Protein backbone atom coordinates (compact mmCIF):
# COMPACT_ATOMS: atom_id res chain seq x y z
CA UNK A 1 57.24 158.42 10.48
CA UNK A 2 54.26 160.34 11.83
CA UNK A 3 50.90 158.95 10.62
CA UNK A 4 49.24 160.93 7.83
CA UNK A 5 46.11 161.64 9.88
CA UNK A 6 48.16 163.33 12.61
CA UNK A 7 49.08 166.99 12.76
CA UNK A 8 52.17 168.75 14.08
CA UNK A 9 53.01 167.46 17.53
CA UNK A 10 50.97 164.27 17.20
CA UNK A 11 47.48 165.78 17.43
CA UNK A 12 44.58 164.02 15.73
CA UNK A 13 42.82 165.68 12.79
CA UNK A 14 39.39 165.08 14.31
CA UNK A 15 37.44 164.93 17.55
CA UNK A 16 37.67 161.70 19.49
CA UNK A 17 35.69 161.54 22.70
CA UNK A 18 33.74 158.71 24.28
CA UNK A 19 30.09 159.58 25.14
CA UNK A 20 30.67 158.56 28.76
CA UNK A 21 33.73 160.80 28.93
CA UNK A 22 31.76 163.66 27.38
CA UNK A 23 29.08 163.37 30.07
CA UNK A 24 31.75 163.16 32.80
CA UNK A 25 33.46 166.27 31.44
CA UNK A 26 30.21 168.25 31.37
CA UNK A 27 29.51 167.28 34.98
CA UNK A 28 33.08 168.13 36.00
CA UNK A 29 32.92 171.57 34.35
CA UNK A 30 29.61 172.39 36.04
CA UNK A 31 30.99 171.33 39.41
CA UNK A 32 34.13 173.41 38.88
CA UNK A 33 32.07 176.49 38.06
CA UNK A 34 29.43 176.21 40.79
CA UNK A 35 30.78 174.21 43.73
CA UNK A 36 32.06 176.12 46.77
CA UNK A 37 35.64 177.16 46.09
CA UNK A 38 37.14 174.88 48.75
CA UNK A 39 35.56 171.80 47.10
CA UNK A 40 36.49 172.52 43.47
CA UNK A 41 39.82 170.68 43.75
CA UNK A 42 37.90 167.37 43.92
CA UNK A 43 36.36 167.38 40.38
CA UNK A 44 39.54 169.00 39.00
CA UNK A 45 41.79 166.16 40.15
CA UNK A 46 39.32 163.37 39.38
CA UNK A 47 38.75 164.60 35.82
CA UNK A 48 42.43 165.25 35.11
CA UNK A 49 43.70 161.85 36.21
CA UNK A 50 40.84 159.51 35.30
CA UNK A 51 40.22 160.73 31.73
CA UNK A 52 42.91 159.49 29.30
CA UNK A 53 44.76 162.19 27.40
CA UNK A 54 43.74 160.79 24.01
CA UNK A 55 40.13 161.83 24.61
CA UNK A 56 40.11 165.19 22.85
CA UNK A 57 37.93 167.78 21.19
CA UNK A 58 39.18 169.57 18.06
CA UNK A 59 38.11 173.23 17.89
CA UNK A 60 39.43 175.60 15.19
CA UNK A 61 42.57 173.54 14.77
CA UNK A 62 43.31 173.41 18.50
CA UNK A 63 43.17 170.20 20.53
CA UNK A 64 41.31 170.25 23.83
CA UNK A 65 41.80 166.98 25.67
CA UNK A 66 40.07 166.27 28.95
CA UNK A 67 42.53 167.95 31.27
CA UNK A 68 42.85 171.00 29.01
CA UNK A 69 39.09 171.52 29.21
CA UNK A 70 39.32 171.18 33.00
CA UNK A 71 42.11 173.78 33.11
CA UNK A 72 40.06 176.25 31.05
CA UNK A 73 37.10 175.74 33.41
CA UNK A 74 39.37 176.25 36.43
CA UNK A 75 40.78 179.46 34.98
CA UNK A 76 37.24 180.66 34.29
CA UNK A 77 36.34 180.02 37.94
CA UNK A 78 39.43 181.95 39.08
CA UNK A 79 38.51 184.83 36.78
CA UNK A 80 35.02 184.91 38.30
CA UNK A 81 36.54 185.15 41.80
CA UNK A 82 39.70 187.13 41.01
CA UNK A 83 38.77 190.04 43.30
CA UNK A 84 37.93 187.89 46.32
CA UNK A 85 40.55 185.16 45.82
CA UNK A 86 44.02 186.55 45.07
CA UNK A 87 46.92 184.11 45.16
CA UNK A 88 47.75 183.11 48.75
CA UNK A 89 51.02 184.76 49.69
CA UNK A 90 51.03 186.93 46.58
CA UNK A 91 53.02 186.38 43.40
CA UNK A 92 56.06 184.57 44.82
CA UNK A 93 59.49 183.79 43.39
CA UNK A 94 58.33 180.24 42.67
CA UNK A 95 55.35 181.61 40.73
CA UNK A 96 57.69 183.84 38.74
CA UNK A 97 59.99 180.97 37.86
CA UNK A 98 57.10 178.78 36.70
CA UNK A 99 55.76 181.67 34.60
CA UNK A 100 59.07 182.56 32.96
CA UNK A 101 59.92 178.88 32.36
CA UNK A 102 56.58 178.15 30.67
CA UNK A 103 56.64 181.28 28.52
CA UNK A 104 60.28 180.78 27.50
CA UNK A 105 59.58 177.24 26.28
CA UNK A 106 56.58 178.50 24.31
CA UNK A 107 58.51 181.36 22.68
CA UNK A 108 61.68 179.39 21.90
CA UNK A 109 59.74 176.46 20.46
CA UNK A 110 57.70 178.78 18.22
CA UNK A 111 60.76 180.67 17.01
CA UNK A 112 62.61 177.47 16.18
CA UNK A 113 59.88 175.98 13.99
CA UNK A 114 58.30 179.17 12.61
CA UNK A 115 55.12 177.29 11.66
CA UNK A 116 51.51 178.06 12.51
CA UNK A 117 50.87 174.54 13.80
CA UNK A 118 53.99 174.73 15.98
CA UNK A 119 52.72 177.96 17.53
CA UNK A 120 49.33 176.35 18.22
CA UNK A 121 51.03 173.40 19.88
CA UNK A 122 53.27 175.70 21.93
CA UNK A 123 50.29 177.74 23.11
CA UNK A 124 48.48 174.53 24.06
CA UNK A 125 51.48 173.38 26.09
CA UNK A 126 51.61 176.83 27.70
CA UNK A 127 47.95 176.50 28.68
CA UNK A 128 48.65 173.10 30.25
CA UNK A 129 51.74 174.17 32.20
CA UNK A 130 51.00 177.74 33.22
CA UNK A 131 47.20 177.48 33.32
CA UNK A 132 47.32 174.21 35.23
CA UNK A 133 49.78 175.60 37.76
CA UNK A 134 47.74 178.69 38.55
CA UNK A 135 44.53 176.67 38.80
CA UNK A 136 46.22 174.70 41.58
CA UNK A 137 47.61 177.87 43.15
CA UNK A 138 44.12 179.36 43.17
CA UNK A 139 42.50 176.25 44.63
CA UNK A 140 45.17 175.16 47.16
CA UNK A 141 45.15 178.19 49.44
CA UNK A 142 45.80 176.73 52.88
CA UNK A 143 46.58 173.55 54.77
CA UNK A 144 42.98 172.34 54.62
CA UNK A 145 42.94 172.66 50.83
CA UNK A 146 46.22 170.77 50.60
CA UNK A 147 44.86 168.04 52.84
CA UNK A 148 41.78 167.63 50.64
CA UNK A 149 43.90 167.57 47.48
CA UNK A 150 46.15 164.81 48.85
CA UNK A 151 43.09 162.86 50.04
CA UNK A 152 41.73 162.91 46.48
CA UNK A 153 45.12 161.87 45.11
CA UNK A 154 45.15 159.04 47.66
CA UNK A 155 41.76 157.81 46.44
CA UNK A 156 43.07 157.98 42.87
CA UNK A 157 46.05 155.84 43.89
CA UNK A 158 43.71 153.23 45.36
CA UNK A 159 41.50 153.08 42.25
CA UNK A 160 44.26 153.22 39.64
CA UNK A 161 46.54 150.90 41.63
CA UNK A 162 43.79 148.25 41.79
CA UNK A 163 43.20 148.57 38.05
CA UNK A 164 46.91 148.25 37.30
CA UNK A 165 47.07 145.08 39.38
CA UNK A 166 44.14 143.80 37.35
CA UNK A 167 46.12 144.48 34.18
CA UNK A 168 48.81 142.12 35.44
CA UNK A 169 46.19 139.38 35.69
CA UNK A 170 44.09 139.98 32.57
CA UNK A 171 46.48 141.92 30.32
CA UNK A 172 43.58 144.28 29.59
CA UNK A 173 43.49 147.97 30.44
CA UNK A 174 39.98 148.95 31.52
CA UNK A 175 40.69 152.62 30.85
CA UNK A 176 41.70 151.64 27.34
CA UNK A 177 38.11 150.59 26.68
CA UNK A 178 37.21 154.28 26.80
CA UNK A 179 39.86 155.10 24.22
CA UNK A 180 42.72 157.54 24.45
CA UNK A 181 45.21 155.08 25.94
CA UNK A 182 46.35 151.54 25.13
CA UNK A 183 43.71 148.85 25.71
CA UNK A 184 46.44 146.21 25.93
CA UNK A 185 49.50 147.08 28.05
CA UNK A 186 53.02 146.66 26.77
CA UNK A 187 54.86 143.46 27.62
CA UNK A 188 58.65 143.70 27.95
CA UNK A 189 60.77 140.62 28.61
CA UNK A 190 57.65 138.76 29.68
CA UNK A 191 56.59 141.43 32.20
CA UNK A 192 53.31 143.31 31.79
CA UNK A 193 53.80 147.06 32.17
CA UNK A 194 50.50 148.35 33.56
CA UNK A 195 49.55 151.93 32.66
CA UNK A 196 45.96 152.65 33.78
CA UNK A 197 44.62 155.96 32.36
CA UNK A 198 48.13 157.25 31.58
CA UNK A 199 49.82 157.24 28.18
CA UNK A 200 52.80 155.23 29.37
CA UNK A 201 53.57 152.81 32.19
CA UNK A 202 56.44 154.95 33.51
CA UNK A 203 54.10 157.93 33.96
CA UNK A 204 51.61 155.78 35.85
CA UNK A 205 54.28 154.35 38.13
CA UNK A 206 55.83 157.77 38.72
CA UNK A 207 52.51 159.09 40.01
CA UNK A 208 52.45 156.44 42.72
CA UNK A 209 56.16 156.58 43.53
CA UNK A 210 56.21 160.34 44.12
CA UNK A 211 52.95 160.37 46.08
CA UNK A 212 54.18 158.26 49.02
CA UNK A 213 55.89 161.08 51.00
CA UNK A 214 52.70 163.15 50.85
CA UNK A 215 50.67 160.18 52.07
CA UNK A 216 53.04 159.85 55.02
CA UNK A 217 52.39 163.50 55.87
CA UNK A 218 48.64 162.94 55.59
CA UNK A 219 48.92 160.07 58.10
CA UNK A 220 50.72 162.33 60.58
CA UNK A 221 47.92 164.90 60.25
CA UNK A 222 45.39 162.29 61.45
CA UNK A 223 43.17 163.16 58.47
CA UNK A 224 41.22 160.17 57.12
CA UNK A 225 43.82 157.74 58.40
CA UNK A 226 41.69 154.82 57.26
CA UNK A 227 42.55 155.52 53.62
CA UNK A 228 46.33 155.83 54.05
CA UNK A 229 47.26 152.10 54.21
CA UNK A 230 45.28 151.21 51.04
CA UNK A 231 46.55 154.42 49.38
CA UNK A 232 50.19 153.55 50.13
CA UNK A 233 49.51 150.02 48.86
CA UNK A 234 47.93 151.45 45.71
CA UNK A 235 50.79 153.89 45.14
CA UNK A 236 53.32 151.11 45.67
CA UNK A 237 51.41 148.85 43.29
CA UNK A 238 51.48 151.58 40.63
CA UNK A 239 55.27 151.86 40.96
CA UNK A 240 55.81 148.08 40.97
CA UNK A 241 53.42 147.06 38.18
CA UNK A 242 54.89 149.66 35.82
CA UNK A 243 58.13 147.61 35.90
CA UNK A 244 60.37 150.66 35.66
CA UNK A 245 63.70 151.19 37.39
CA UNK A 246 63.08 154.95 37.32
CA UNK A 247 59.92 154.54 39.38
CA UNK A 248 61.46 152.13 41.86
CA UNK A 249 64.38 154.53 42.23
CA UNK A 250 61.99 157.45 42.84
CA UNK A 251 60.05 155.42 45.42
CA UNK A 252 63.27 154.54 47.23
CA UNK A 253 64.46 158.16 47.00
CA UNK A 254 61.28 159.50 48.59
CA UNK A 255 61.42 156.99 51.45
CA UNK A 256 65.16 157.62 51.93
CA UNK A 257 64.56 161.38 52.15
CA UNK A 258 61.88 160.81 54.80
CA UNK A 259 64.33 158.70 56.80
CA UNK A 260 66.80 161.60 56.87
CA UNK A 261 64.41 163.53 59.14
CA UNK A 262 66.61 163.03 62.27
CA UNK A 263 69.50 164.70 60.37
CA UNK A 264 67.49 167.68 59.13
CA UNK A 265 69.77 170.16 60.91
CA UNK A 266 72.88 168.71 59.26
CA UNK A 267 71.78 168.41 55.65
CA UNK A 268 74.65 170.65 54.52
CA UNK A 269 77.05 167.80 55.27
CA UNK A 270 74.97 165.43 53.14
CA UNK A 271 74.98 167.88 50.24
CA UNK A 272 78.73 168.37 50.44
CA UNK A 273 79.16 164.63 50.79
CA UNK A 274 77.19 163.93 47.62
CA UNK A 275 79.28 166.45 45.69
CA UNK A 276 82.50 164.91 47.06
CA UNK A 277 81.38 161.41 46.10
CA UNK A 278 80.48 162.50 42.56
CA UNK A 279 83.86 164.21 42.15
CA UNK A 280 85.66 161.13 43.44
CA UNK A 281 83.72 158.86 41.09
CA UNK A 282 84.51 161.13 38.14
CA UNK A 283 88.20 160.75 38.97
CA UNK A 284 88.30 156.98 39.42
CA UNK A 285 85.69 155.84 36.86
CA UNK A 286 86.67 154.99 33.31
CA UNK A 287 83.58 156.74 31.96
CA UNK A 288 81.82 159.97 32.99
CA UNK A 289 80.03 159.98 36.32
CA UNK A 290 76.60 159.90 34.63
CA UNK A 291 77.49 156.49 33.18
CA UNK A 292 76.40 155.16 36.58
CA UNK A 293 72.90 155.14 35.08
CA UNK A 294 74.03 152.41 32.70
CA UNK A 295 74.44 150.03 35.63
CA UNK A 296 71.10 150.71 37.33
CA UNK A 297 68.63 147.97 36.41
CA UNK A 298 66.18 147.31 39.21
CA UNK A 299 63.66 145.33 37.15
CA UNK A 300 65.90 143.23 34.90
CA UNK A 301 64.31 144.80 31.82
CA UNK A 302 65.31 148.45 32.04
CA UNK A 303 66.77 150.54 29.23
CA UNK A 304 69.51 151.85 31.48
CA UNK A 305 72.03 152.13 28.65
CA UNK A 306 69.64 154.39 26.74
CA UNK A 307 69.29 156.65 29.79
CA UNK A 308 73.07 157.01 29.97
CA UNK A 309 73.47 157.53 26.23
CA UNK A 310 70.74 160.19 26.21
CA UNK A 311 72.55 162.35 28.79
CA UNK A 312 75.96 161.73 27.25
CA UNK A 313 74.77 162.64 23.76
CA UNK A 314 72.88 165.65 25.08
CA UNK A 315 76.07 167.02 26.64
CA UNK A 316 78.23 166.30 23.61
CA UNK A 317 75.74 168.09 21.32
CA UNK A 318 75.54 171.20 23.49
CA UNK A 319 76.19 173.41 20.48
CA UNK A 320 73.09 172.03 18.73
CA UNK A 321 70.53 172.96 21.37
CA UNK A 322 71.81 175.69 23.69
CA UNK A 323 70.34 178.67 21.81
CA UNK A 324 66.80 177.68 20.72
CA UNK A 325 66.73 173.97 21.38
CA UNK A 326 66.65 171.52 18.51
CA UNK A 327 64.29 169.34 16.53
CA UNK A 328 67.08 167.16 15.12
CA UNK A 329 67.99 165.22 18.24
CA UNK A 330 66.78 162.06 16.49
CA UNK A 331 69.89 162.26 14.29
CA UNK A 332 72.22 162.16 17.30
CA UNK A 333 72.09 158.38 17.50
CA UNK A 334 69.96 155.30 18.02
CA UNK A 335 66.60 156.19 19.66
CA UNK A 336 67.80 159.66 20.62
CA UNK A 337 64.40 160.99 19.56
CA UNK A 338 63.03 159.24 22.67
CA UNK A 339 63.91 161.89 25.24
CA UNK A 340 63.04 159.94 28.37
CA UNK A 341 64.59 162.57 30.61
CA UNK A 342 62.86 165.74 31.74
CA UNK A 343 66.08 167.71 32.00
CA UNK A 344 67.04 166.81 28.44
CA UNK A 345 63.51 167.56 27.24
CA UNK A 346 63.66 171.12 28.56
CA UNK A 347 67.04 171.58 26.88
CA UNK A 348 65.99 170.43 23.42
CA UNK A 349 62.62 172.20 23.59
CA UNK A 350 63.62 175.50 25.18
CA UNK A 351 67.39 175.70 24.93
CA UNK A 352 69.80 176.58 27.73
CA UNK A 353 67.41 179.22 29.07
CA UNK A 354 64.60 176.73 29.77
CA UNK A 355 67.05 174.11 31.04
CA UNK A 356 68.55 176.61 33.51
CA UNK A 357 65.14 177.89 34.62
CA UNK A 358 63.95 174.35 35.35
CA UNK A 359 67.01 173.68 37.52
CA UNK A 360 66.48 177.07 39.20
CA UNK A 361 62.84 176.18 39.94
CA UNK A 362 63.82 172.95 41.67
CA UNK A 363 66.60 174.69 43.58
CA UNK A 364 64.27 177.49 44.64
CA UNK A 365 61.66 175.03 45.93
CA UNK A 366 64.30 173.21 47.97
CA UNK A 367 65.77 176.48 49.18
CA UNK A 368 62.48 177.97 50.33
CA UNK A 369 61.45 174.72 52.04
CA UNK A 370 64.77 174.62 53.89
CA UNK A 371 64.71 178.29 54.86
CA UNK A 372 61.16 178.22 56.20
CA UNK A 373 61.80 174.93 58.00
CA UNK A 374 64.62 176.66 59.88
CA UNK A 375 62.23 179.49 60.79
CA UNK A 376 59.73 177.09 62.34
CA UNK A 377 62.33 174.91 64.01
CA UNK A 378 60.90 173.31 67.10
CA UNK A 379 57.31 173.28 65.79
CA UNK A 380 56.97 169.69 64.64
CA UNK A 381 53.83 170.12 62.54
CA UNK A 382 55.34 172.94 60.47
CA UNK A 383 58.73 171.32 60.09
CA UNK A 384 57.28 167.95 59.11
CA UNK A 385 55.04 169.23 56.31
CA UNK A 386 58.01 170.95 54.71
CA UNK A 387 60.14 167.85 55.06
CA UNK A 388 57.52 165.63 53.42
CA UNK A 389 57.04 168.06 50.54
CA UNK A 390 60.81 168.19 50.09
CA UNK A 391 60.94 164.37 50.06
CA UNK A 392 58.31 164.27 47.31
CA UNK A 393 60.30 166.89 45.40
CA UNK A 394 63.44 164.76 45.73
CA UNK A 395 61.53 161.77 44.35
CA UNK A 396 60.69 163.85 41.27
CA UNK A 397 64.33 164.89 40.89
CA UNK A 398 65.25 161.21 40.64
CA UNK A 399 62.39 160.05 38.41
CA UNK A 400 63.08 162.85 35.93
CA UNK A 401 66.25 161.03 34.90
CA UNK A 402 64.04 158.36 33.34
CA UNK A 403 60.94 160.17 32.12
CA UNK A 404 59.63 163.39 30.63
CA UNK A 405 56.20 164.90 31.23
CA UNK A 406 53.78 164.25 28.39
CA UNK A 407 50.47 163.29 29.99
CA UNK A 408 48.55 163.69 33.27
CA UNK A 409 51.72 163.28 35.33
CA UNK A 410 52.57 166.92 34.53
CA UNK A 411 49.65 167.98 36.72
CA UNK A 412 50.83 165.90 39.66
CA UNK A 413 54.11 167.82 39.41
CA UNK A 414 52.35 171.18 39.10
CA UNK A 415 50.16 170.37 42.11
CA UNK A 416 53.26 169.61 44.20
CA UNK A 417 54.95 172.88 43.19
CA UNK A 418 51.74 174.78 43.99
CA UNK A 419 51.60 173.13 47.43
CA UNK A 420 55.20 174.12 48.07
CA UNK A 421 54.55 177.71 46.95
CA UNK A 422 51.54 177.95 49.26
CA UNK A 423 53.38 176.41 52.22
CA UNK A 424 56.47 178.62 52.04
CA UNK A 425 54.73 181.89 51.12
CA UNK A 426 52.15 182.30 53.87
CA UNK A 427 52.70 183.58 57.37
CA UNK A 428 54.01 180.76 59.51
CA UNK A 429 54.41 180.56 63.26
CA UNK A 430 57.96 180.79 64.55
CA UNK A 431 59.52 180.30 67.92
CA UNK A 432 59.85 184.05 68.24
CA UNK A 433 56.11 184.45 67.68
CA UNK A 434 55.15 182.02 70.42
CA UNK A 435 53.54 183.71 73.44
CA UNK A 436 56.03 184.21 76.25
CA UNK A 437 55.52 182.38 79.50
CA UNK A 438 54.10 184.92 81.97
CA UNK A 439 56.36 186.14 84.75
CA UNK A 440 54.74 185.01 88.02
CA UNK A 441 56.11 187.93 90.09
CA UNK A 442 54.91 190.53 87.57
CA UNK A 443 51.51 188.84 87.38
CA UNK A 444 51.15 188.86 91.22
CA UNK A 445 52.11 192.53 91.37
CA UNK A 446 49.57 193.40 88.67
CA UNK A 447 46.78 191.56 90.50
CA UNK A 448 47.62 193.27 93.82
CA UNK A 449 47.45 196.69 92.23
């Protein structure tokens, strides 16, 4: 049962913010408003990921946690510069999908509950998703901006990874001393599940697991190479110390996708092969093909059966959620209220419309990355950045089978989608645009004349 001092959606009935966090937020907001535009991404990312979500300010019944305040400041900066800083590449198909997805979830959720507090919560979630995305789209305008953003995320991986290793030793979460997250990490089957500034260990580990492909790209760009080895170590430590099969699977998926680089021109065969394998498994297996999840336990303490049951129950109760989602999924079975699956979460919160739009967003990102990679074929630098972004996207596709977005991890996802939108929307060099090799005979004739 929800505690009496909590409001709809789990929000506190009062302000809870540490004085140190309050000072940090004030500094971050001032930097966001007055730093040069190409440096603003630094305080945005540092404030979002280092301030626990539970640090929040209550204003007129609305909850403003740390990252929501940062998003509002970022939107204010964009508004101040709207005439000189339009979105790079214009309003793309990826932007439209993110917009429609976010708005549809907000509208459907509000219509289902028909309560004032539900509408406030839905609007807050809309601010996080849509506002956060367009803050990143405004700030990440070119390859240099993307490089700086990944450098900051690499530094975060080093700091948070070191703290999560410390949690394994001391069983104390230093970020928990600020409040807003657990001061003592969860212990499952004798294993400490480190969480750092995140609300859950899986979210913390997912941040590190999905970051690795982008770190590999940063190494190939020769930008601040000194930080890449410790950043990869920090990201790996985040995935390992969270003790989650979902995170280890995402880490392996990202690395596997990077290793497919030599076969980039033949990915159609891999896609058809995956479909053929899934069809064959559906035919020969006693259970449905998604029951494979029940047998994946990479840590020895995973709730793999729950992951399988969640998808199976979600499909069998299609009639309960397809129109406007549902708030009764807890009655579907044991622990079905714990929707540790992003695909399921979109279904029960926004119905079939939101579920379909989320799948369409992922497909569109993959499609645009593949199409533009073919356009720049032969230009290693352009092909490689798209491949690394696609590998990170694939890591998210895998991790979403074991987690839903409910804390800072949402902004790591939004930052990745914004990077993809920027990369595939701008003018890119192609082989046809390369200057032709001059004809020696024509050049000699021109000189003689």
